[in-house]
Amino acid sequence: FLRLTEGEYGADYVADRLRIGTVHEHINLAPKWYLGAYNFYLRAVAKRLLEMMGTNPQKAFSTFLSMMKLVFMDIGLAVDTYIYARELTMRKQQEAIRELSTPVLQIRDRLLLLPIIGVIDSQRAQMITEGLLRAIRGNRAKVVVMDITGVATIDSKVANHLLQTVSAARLMGAFVIVTGLSSEVAQSLVQLGIDLNRLNTVGDLQGGIEEGERLLGYRLVHEGEAGGTRPA
């Protein structure tokens, strides 16, 4: 508050006010506390002006109005920055949630699992594609099992995004197996004119993983035999 009466309101002053708004957001200090402090400050200023200029109320009123202009500018800078910082924090949190909601898991060497659950919008579809391609590159994957059991509905945009994801994975040398394709989703794809022959589908997740292991040369050892699934 002391800087309000310094008489200099240039770039340094503005930068300081913006910094205050950012700091308040980081420490989760709601604007109501900031505004409440200003209310207390203005009451104290008004009382002091009346004591100093009681014989000249017009001058006291004019001085108080000038102070109010500075206060409103100060509040505007700090609150706008607080809102911007809060929105930025929320966007980062939403991105983190989206990434966590669509993990790419390594099942075996060169075999990845991409379980997709919930609603897929254009933004999430793009994140799915980018995350999968990074995982393919990082794990040198050759087979990806994309399980869409948890996807209730698919519109044309989502269908095209999924097809683009499959195509992009193929360009990176990975074979994509789609599992969990419900009858409702299959009918929706057909009605949208999507050629299901472009997708390599297997009924359920377990079957998809077994198919992926077969493509990679793993031999499935049934219960009762020694060991587990291993390269042939």
C-alpha atoms as a PDB file:
ATOM      1  CA  PHE A   1       0.000   0.000   0.000  1.00  0.00           C
ATOM      2  CA  LEU A   2       2.874   2.406   0.660  1.00  0.00           C
ATOM      3  CA  ARG A   3       3.726   2.542  -3.039  1.00  0.00           C
ATOM      4  CA  LEU A   4       0.357   4.147  -3.766  1.00  0.00           C
ATOM      5  CA  THR A   5       1.601   7.443  -2.353  1.00  0.00           C
ATOM      6  CA  GLU A   6       5.098   7.452  -3.843  1.00  0.00           C
ATOM      7  CA  GLY A   7       3.963   9.483  -6.847  1.00  0.00           C
ATOM      8  CA  GLU A   8       5.661   7.278  -9.465  1.00  0.00           C
ATOM      9  CA  TYR A   9       3.431   4.965 -11.473  1.00  0.00           C
ATOM     10  CA  GLY A  10       5.589   3.752 -14.347  1.00  0.00           C
ATOM     11  CA  ALA A  11       6.624   0.318 -15.594  1.00  0.00           C
ATOM     12  CA  ASP A  12       8.231  -0.672 -12.288  1.00  0.00           C
ATOM     13  CA  TYR A  13       5.060   0.110 -10.391  1.00  0.00           C
ATOM     14  CA  VAL A  14       2.907  -1.888 -12.829  1.00  0.00           C
ATOM     15  CA  ALA A  15       5.324  -4.838 -12.707  1.00  0.00           C
ATOM     16  CA  ASP A  16       5.152  -4.818  -8.919  1.00  0.00           C
ATOM     17  CA  ARG A  17       1.342  -4.824  -8.932  1.00  0.00           C
ATOM     18  CA  LEU A  18       1.274  -7.671 -11.454  1.00  0.00           C
ATOM     19  CA  ARG A  19       3.698  -9.639  -9.317  1.00  0.00           C
ATOM     20  CA  ILE A  20       1.388  -9.224  -6.327  1.00  0.00           C
ATOM     21  CA  GLY A  21      -1.522 -10.735  -8.243  1.00  0.00           C
ATOM     22  CA  THR A  22       0.602 -13.713  -9.289  1.00  0.00           C
ATOM     23  CA  VAL A  23       1.873 -14.262  -5.745  1.00  0.00           C
ATOM     24  CA  HIS A  24      -1.656 -14.123  -4.340  1.00  0.00           C
ATOM     25  CA  GLU A  25      -2.761 -16.816  -6.776  1.00  0.00           C
ATOM     26  CA  HIS A  26       0.222 -19.030  -5.902  1.00  0.00           C
ATOM     27  CA  ILE A  27      -0.512 -18.827  -2.169  1.00  0.00           C
ATOM     28  CA  ASN A  28      -4.253 -19.209  -2.850  1.00  0.00           C
ATOM     29  CA  LEU A  29      -5.155 -15.833  -1.340  1.00  0.00           C
ATOM     30  CA  ALA A  30      -8.636 -15.080  -2.672  1.00  0.00           C
ATOM     31  CA  PRO A  31      -9.334 -11.583  -4.101  1.00  0.00           C
ATOM     32  CA  LYS A  32     -11.889 -10.923  -1.351  1.00  0.00           C
ATOM     33  CA  TRP A  33      -9.058 -10.647   1.181  1.00  0.00           C
ATOM     34  CA  TYR A  34      -7.155  -8.267  -1.071  1.00  0.00           C
ATOM     35  CA  LEU A  35     -10.258  -6.128  -1.580  1.00  0.00           C
ATOM     36  CA  GLY A  36     -11.018  -6.230   2.127  1.00  0.00           C
ATOM     37  CA  ALA A  37      -7.559  -4.879   2.915  1.00  0.00           C
ATOM     38  CA  TYR A  38      -8.123  -2.000   0.502  1.00  0.00           C
ATOM     39  CA  ASN A  39     -11.438  -1.222   2.159  1.00  0.00           C
ATOM     40  CA  PHE A  40      -9.639  -0.946   5.491  1.00  0.00           C
ATOM     41  CA  TYR A  41      -6.910   1.189   3.890  1.00  0.00           C
ATOM     42  CA  LEU A  42      -9.372   3.608   2.268  1.00  0.00           C
ATOM     43  CA  ARG A  43     -11.259   4.077   5.524  1.00  0.00           C
ATOM     44  CA  ALA A  44      -8.004   4.968   7.253  1.00  0.00           C
ATOM     45  CA  VAL A  45      -7.063   7.382   4.441  1.00  0.00           C
ATOM     46  CA  ALA A  46     -10.463   9.097   4.542  1.00  0.00           C
ATOM     47  CA  LYS A  47     -10.205   9.546   8.297  1.00  0.00           C
ATOM     48  CA  ARG A  48      -6.700  10.966   7.988  1.00  0.00           C
ATOM     49  CA  LEU A  49      -7.689  13.396   5.214  1.00  0.00           C
ATOM     50  CA  LEU A  50     -10.571  14.736   7.288  1.00  0.00           C
ATOM     51  CA  GLU A  51      -8.203  15.287  10.196  1.00  0.00           C
ATOM     52  CA  MET A  52      -5.702  17.126   7.994  1.00  0.00           C
ATOM     53  CA  MET A  53      -8.132  19.053   5.776  1.00  0.00           C
ATOM     54  CA  GLY A  54     -11.192  19.407   7.946  1.00  0.00           C
ATOM     55  CA  THR A  55     -11.335  23.129   7.234  1.00  0.00           C
ATOM     56  CA  ASN A  56     -11.245  22.499   3.476  1.00  0.00           C
ATOM     57  CA  PRO A  57     -13.667  19.643   2.739  1.00  0.00           C
ATOM     58  CA  GLN A  58     -13.549  20.291  -1.024  1.00  0.00           C
ATOM     59  CA  LYS A  59      -9.801  19.677  -1.121  1.00  0.00           C
ATOM     60  CA  ALA A  60     -10.168  16.630   1.100  1.00  0.00           C
ATOM     61  CA  PHE A  61     -12.827  15.206  -1.221  1.00  0.00           C
ATOM     62  CA  SER A  62     -10.717  15.916  -4.336  1.00  0.00           C
ATOM     63  CA  THR A  63      -7.673  14.272  -2.762  1.00  0.00           C
ATOM     64  CA  PHE A  64      -9.718  11.238  -1.778  1.00  0.00           C
ATOM     65  CA  LEU A  65     -11.049  10.877  -5.354  1.00  0.00           C
ATOM     66  CA  SER A  66      -7.488  10.948  -6.685  1.00  0.00           C
ATOM     67  CA  MET A  67      -6.561   8.253  -4.209  1.00  0.00           C
ATOM     68  CA  MET A  68      -9.577   6.198  -5.308  1.00  0.00           C
ATOM     69  CA  LYS A  69      -8.396   6.311  -8.939  1.00  0.00           C
ATOM     70  CA  LEU A  70      -5.021   4.919  -7.903  1.00  0.00           C
ATOM     71  CA  VAL A  71      -6.660   2.250  -5.787  1.00  0.00           C
ATOM     72  CA  PHE A  72      -8.962   1.116  -8.604  1.00  0.00           C
ATOM     73  CA  MET A  73      -6.013   0.932 -11.011  1.00  0.00           C
ATOM     74  CA  ASP A  74      -4.038  -1.030  -8.448  1.00  0.00           C
ATOM     75  CA  ILE A  75      -6.916  -3.427  -7.819  1.00  0.00           C
ATOM     76  CA  GLY A  76      -7.488  -3.894 -11.542  1.00  0.00           C
ATOM     77  CA  LEU A  77      -3.860  -4.821 -12.198  1.00  0.00           C
ATOM     78  CA  ALA A  78      -3.619  -7.248  -9.297  1.00  0.00           C
ATOM     79  CA  VAL A  79      -7.002  -8.920  -9.825  1.00  0.00           C
ATOM     80  CA  ASP A  80      -6.565  -9.276 -13.604  1.00  0.00           C
ATOM     81  CA  THR A  81      -3.203 -10.938 -13.032  1.00  0.00           C
ATOM     82  CA  TYR A  82      -4.705 -13.160 -10.335  1.00  0.00           C
ATOM     83  CA  ILE A  83      -7.435 -14.308 -12.733  1.00  0.00           C
ATOM     84  CA  TYR A  84      -4.946 -14.939 -15.540  1.00  0.00           C
ATOM     85  CA  ALA A  85      -2.657 -16.940 -13.245  1.00  0.00           C
ATOM     86  CA  ARG A  86      -5.604 -18.953 -11.922  1.00  0.00           C
ATOM     87  CA  GLU A  87      -6.804 -19.772 -15.448  1.00  0.00           C
ATOM     88  CA  LEU A  88      -3.282 -20.840 -16.393  1.00  0.00           C
ATOM     89  CA  THR A  89      -3.101 -23.098 -13.344  1.00  0.00           C
ATOM     90  CA  MET A  90      -6.476 -24.637 -14.176  1.00  0.00           C
ATOM     91  CA  ARG A  91      -5.419 -25.316 -17.772  1.00  0.00           C
ATOM     92  CA  LYS A  92      -2.279 -27.070 -16.557  1.00  0.00           C
ATOM     93  CA  GLN A  93      -4.333 -29.144 -14.121  1.00  0.00           C
ATOM     94  CA  GLN A  94      -6.801 -30.093 -16.858  1.00  0.00           C
ATOM     95  CA  GLU A  95      -3.956 -31.149 -19.141  1.00  0.00           C
ATOM     96  CA  ALA A  96      -2.461 -33.252 -16.364  1.00  0.00           C
ATOM     97  CA  ILE A  97      -5.834 -34.892 -15.689  1.00  0.00           C
ATOM     98  CA  ARG A  98      -6.282 -35.672 -19.381  1.00  0.00           C
ATOM     99  CA  GLU A  99      -2.834 -37.244 -19.552  1.00  0.00           C
ATOM    100  CA  LEU A 100      -3.530 -39.341 -16.468  1.00  0.00           C
ATOM    101  CA  SER A 101      -6.937 -40.368 -17.824  1.00  0.00           C
ATOM    102  CA  THR A 102      -5.342 -41.854 -20.959  1.00  0.00           C
ATOM    103  CA  PRO A 103      -2.116 -43.593 -19.951  1.00  0.00           C
ATOM    104  CA  VAL A 104      -0.004 -45.583 -22.390  1.00  0.00           C
ATOM    105  CA  LEU A 105       1.156 -48.756 -20.644  1.00  0.00           C
ATOM    106  CA  GLN A 106       3.981 -51.068 -21.622  1.00  0.00           C
ATOM    107  CA  ILE A 107       2.693 -54.646 -21.358  1.00  0.00           C
ATOM    108  CA  ARG A 108       5.781 -56.344 -22.708  1.00  0.00           C
ATOM    109  CA  ASP A 109       8.854 -55.416 -24.663  1.00  0.00           C
ATOM    110  CA  ARG A 110       7.624 -53.602 -27.819  1.00  0.00           C
ATOM    111  CA  LEU A 111       3.966 -54.101 -26.808  1.00  0.00           C
ATOM    112  CA  LEU A 112       1.887 -51.142 -25.581  1.00  0.00           C
ATOM    113  CA  LEU A 113      -1.645 -50.860 -24.235  1.00  0.00           C
ATOM    114  CA  LEU A 114      -3.729 -47.710 -24.716  1.00  0.00           C
ATOM    115  CA  PRO A 115      -6.987 -47.914 -22.694  1.00  0.00           C
ATOM    116  CA  ILE A 116      -9.405 -45.145 -23.655  1.00  0.00           C
ATOM    117  CA  ILE A 117     -12.217 -44.369 -21.215  1.00  0.00           C
ATOM    118  CA  GLY A 118     -14.891 -41.688 -21.175  1.00  0.00           C
ATOM    119  CA  VAL A 119     -15.811 -38.892 -23.530  1.00  0.00           C
ATOM    120  CA  ILE A 120     -13.380 -38.014 -26.301  1.00  0.00           C
ATOM    121  CA  ASP A 121     -13.400 -34.462 -27.599  1.00  0.00           C
ATOM    122  CA  SER A 122     -11.073 -33.028 -30.218  1.00  0.00           C
ATOM    123  CA  GLN A 123      -8.577 -31.743 -27.660  1.00  0.00           C
ATOM    124  CA  ARG A 124      -8.362 -35.033 -25.795  1.00  0.00           C
ATOM    125  CA  ALA A 125      -8.132 -36.963 -29.069  1.00  0.00           C
ATOM    126  CA  GLN A 126      -5.114 -34.891 -30.034  1.00  0.00           C
ATOM    127  CA  MET A 127      -3.494 -35.554 -26.653  1.00  0.00           C
ATOM    128  CA  ILE A 128      -4.151 -39.291 -27.068  1.00  0.00           C
ATOM    129  CA  THR A 129      -2.424 -39.281 -30.449  1.00  0.00           C
ATOM    130  CA  GLU A 130       0.557 -37.263 -29.240  1.00  0.00           C
ATOM    131  CA  GLY A 131       0.968 -39.382 -26.103  1.00  0.00           C
ATOM    132  CA  LEU A 132       0.794 -42.633 -28.058  1.00  0.00           C
ATOM    133  CA  LEU A 133       3.339 -41.519 -30.645  1.00  0.00           C
ATOM    134  CA  ARG A 134       5.746 -40.448 -27.902  1.00  0.00           C
ATOM    135  CA  ALA A 135       5.327 -43.840 -26.212  1.00  0.00           C
ATOM    136  CA  ILE A 136       5.885 -45.716 -29.482  1.00  0.00           C
ATOM    137  CA  ARG A 137       9.077 -43.785 -30.084  1.00  0.00           C
ATOM    138  CA  GLY A 138      10.292 -44.042 -26.500  1.00  0.00           C
ATOM    139  CA  ASN A 139       9.605 -47.789 -26.172  1.00  0.00           C
ATOM    140  CA  ARG A 140      10.394 -48.708 -29.780  1.00  0.00           C
ATOM    141  CA  ALA A 141       7.012 -50.421 -29.829  1.00  0.00           C
ATOM    142  CA  LYS A 142       5.912 -52.632 -32.696  1.00  0.00           C
ATOM    143  CA  VAL A 143       2.366 -53.447 -31.536  1.00  0.00           C
ATOM    144  CA  VAL A 144      -0.238 -51.272 -29.822  1.00  0.00           C
ATOM    145  CA  VAL A 145      -3.477 -52.575 -28.313  1.00  0.00           C
ATOM    146  CA  MET A 146      -6.033 -49.753 -28.288  1.00  0.00           C
ATOM    147  CA  ASP A 147      -8.908 -50.706 -25.986  1.00  0.00           C
ATOM    148  CA  ILE A 148     -12.085 -48.620 -26.396  1.00  0.00           C
ATOM    149  CA  THR A 149     -14.350 -50.643 -24.104  1.00  0.00           C
ATOM    150  CA  GLY A 150     -14.931 -47.540 -21.985  1.00  0.00           C
ATOM    151  CA  VAL A 151     -15.996 -45.353 -24.903  1.00  0.00           C
ATOM    152  CA  ALA A 152     -19.785 -45.176 -24.964  1.00  0.00           C
ATOM    153  CA  THR A 153     -20.380 -43.075 -28.081  1.00  0.00           C
ATOM    154  CA  ILE A 154     -18.350 -41.991 -31.073  1.00  0.00           C
ATOM    155  CA  ASP A 155     -19.208 -39.199 -33.490  1.00  0.00           C
ATOM    156  CA  SER A 156     -17.618 -38.495 -36.863  1.00  0.00           C
ATOM    157  CA  LYS A 157     -14.910 -36.231 -35.430  1.00  0.00           C
ATOM    158  CA  VAL A 158     -13.880 -38.751 -32.787  1.00  0.00           C
ATOM    159  CA  ALA A 159     -13.926 -41.598 -35.324  1.00  0.00           C
ATOM    160  CA  ASN A 160     -11.677 -39.653 -37.669  1.00  0.00           C
ATOM    161  CA  HIS A 161      -9.335 -38.820 -34.798  1.00  0.00           C
ATOM    162  CA  LEU A 162      -9.055 -42.502 -33.892  1.00  0.00           C
ATOM    163  CA  LEU A 163      -8.375 -43.431 -37.501  1.00  0.00           C
ATOM    164  CA  GLN A 164      -5.737 -40.724 -37.723  1.00  0.00           C
ATOM    165  CA  THR A 165      -4.155 -42.075 -34.542  1.00  0.00           C
ATOM    166  CA  VAL A 166      -4.044 -45.572 -36.026  1.00  0.00           C
ATOM    167  CA  SER A 167      -2.569 -44.239 -39.279  1.00  0.00           C
ATOM    168  CA  ALA A 168       0.066 -42.190 -37.441  1.00  0.00           C
ATOM    169  CA  ALA A 169       1.071 -45.220 -35.367  1.00  0.00           C
ATOM    170  CA  ARG A 170       1.410 -47.286 -38.538  1.00  0.00           C
ATOM    171  CA  LEU A 171       3.663 -44.650 -40.075  1.00  0.00           C
ATOM    172  CA  MET A 172       5.929 -45.086 -37.059  1.00  0.00           C
ATOM    173  CA  GLY A 173       6.075 -48.813 -37.699  1.00  0.00           C
ATOM    174  CA  ALA A 174       3.566 -49.986 -35.085  1.00  0.00           C
ATOM    175  CA  PHE A 175       0.711 -52.415 -35.738  1.00  0.00           C
ATOM    176  CA  VAL A 176      -2.501 -51.292 -33.985  1.00  0.00           C
ATOM    177  CA  ILE A 177      -5.099 -53.710 -32.626  1.00  0.00           C
ATOM    178  CA  VAL A 178      -8.450 -52.215 -31.585  1.00  0.00           C
ATOM    179  CA  THR A 179     -10.347 -54.069 -28.850  1.00  0.00           C
ATOM    180  CA  GLY A 180     -13.605 -53.552 -26.986  1.00  0.00           C
ATOM    181  CA  LEU A 181     -15.574 -52.372 -30.003  1.00  0.00           C
ATOM    182  CA  SER A 182     -19.193 -52.545 -28.785  1.00  0.00           C
ATOM    183  CA  SER A 183     -22.059 -53.255 -31.155  1.00  0.00           C
ATOM    184  CA  GLU A 184     -23.396 -49.727 -30.613  1.00  0.00           C
ATOM    185  CA  VAL A 185     -20.069 -48.132 -31.491  1.00  0.00           C
ATOM    186  CA  ALA A 186     -19.637 -50.469 -34.467  1.00  0.00           C
ATOM    187  CA  GLN A 187     -23.066 -49.484 -35.788  1.00  0.00           C
ATOM    188  CA  SER A 188     -22.252 -45.821 -35.283  1.00  0.00           C
ATOM    189  CA  LEU A 189     -19.045 -46.204 -37.276  1.00  0.00           C
ATOM    190  CA  VAL A 190     -20.876 -47.945 -40.103  1.00  0.00           C
ATOM    191  CA  GLN A 191     -23.561 -45.245 -40.146  1.00  0.00           C
ATOM    192  CA  LEU A 192     -20.831 -42.616 -40.307  1.00  0.00           C
ATOM    193  CA  GLY A 193     -19.398 -44.341 -43.351  1.00  0.00           C
ATOM    194  CA  ILE A 194     -16.241 -45.525 -41.595  1.00  0.00           C
ATOM    195  CA  ASP A 195     -14.673 -48.558 -43.268  1.00  0.00           C
ATOM    196  CA  LEU A 196     -14.106 -51.028 -40.448  1.00  0.00           C
ATOM    197  CA  ASN A 197     -11.718 -52.945 -42.684  1.00  0.00           C
ATOM    198  CA  ARG A 198      -9.230 -50.163 -41.973  1.00  0.00           C
ATOM    199  CA  LEU A 199      -9.152 -51.321 -38.343  1.00  0.00           C
ATOM    200  CA  ASN A 200      -7.603 -54.511 -37.008  1.00  0.00           C
ATOM    201  CA  THR A 201     -10.170 -55.489 -34.393  1.00  0.00           C
ATOM    202  CA  VAL A 202     -10.231 -58.192 -31.730  1.00  0.00           C
ATOM    203  CA  GLY A 203     -13.217 -58.829 -29.473  1.00  0.00           C
ATOM    204  CA  ASP A 204     -11.838 -58.146 -26.016  1.00  0.00           C
ATOM    205  CA  LEU A 205      -8.743 -56.812 -24.304  1.00  0.00           C
ATOM    206  CA  GLN A 206      -7.340 -60.212 -23.351  1.00  0.00           C
ATOM    207  CA  GLY A 207      -7.676 -61.405 -26.923  1.00  0.00           C
ATOM    208  CA  GLY A 208      -6.007 -58.247 -28.178  1.00  0.00           C
ATOM    209  CA  ILE A 209      -3.022 -58.706 -25.875  1.00  0.00           C
ATOM    210  CA  GLU A 210      -2.687 -62.349 -26.907  1.00  0.00           C
ATOM    211  CA  GLU A 211      -2.809 -61.336 -30.570  1.00  0.00           C
ATOM    212  CA  GLY A 212      -0.166 -58.698 -29.937  1.00  0.00           C
ATOM    213  CA  GLU A 213       2.060 -61.262 -28.233  1.00  0.00           C
ATOM    214  CA  ARG A 214       1.585 -63.636 -31.155  1.00  0.00           C
ATOM    215  CA  LEU A 215       2.587 -60.948 -33.642  1.00  0.00           C
ATOM    216  CA  LEU A 216       5.732 -60.271 -31.625  1.00  0.00           C
ATOM    217  CA  GLY A 217       6.624 -63.954 -31.552  1.00  0.00           C
ATOM    218  CA  TYR A 218       5.679 -64.674 -27.962  1.00  0.00           C
ATOM    219  CA  ARG A 219       4.396 -68.197 -27.301  1.00  0.00           C
ATOM    220  CA  LEU A 220       1.418 -68.516 -24.952  1.00  0.00           C
ATOM    221  CA  VAL A 221       2.022 -71.135 -22.275  1.00  0.00           C
ATOM    222  CA  HIS A 222      -1.299 -72.440 -20.953  1.00  0.00           C
ATOM    223  CA  GLU A 223      -2.037 -73.156 -17.318  1.00  0.00           C
ATOM    224  CA  GLY A 224      -0.311 -76.288 -16.157  1.00  0.00           C
ATOM    225  CA  GLU A 225       2.739 -75.763 -18.320  1.00  0.00           C
ATOM    226  CA  ALA A 226       5.964 -74.476 -16.882  1.00  0.00           C
ATOM    227  CA  GLY A 227       6.703 -70.757 -17.056  1.00  0.00           C
ATOM    228  CA  GLY A 228       4.525 -68.100 -18.627  1.00  0.00           C
ATOM    229  CA  THR A 229       4.213 -66.280 -21.906  1.00  0.00           C
ATOM    230  CA  ARG A 230       7.642 -66.110 -23.490  1.00  0.00           C
ATOM    231  CA  PRO A 231       9.284 -65.455 -26.832  1.00  0.00           C
ATOM    232  CA  ALA A 232       9.063 -68.388 -29.170  1.00  0.00           C
END
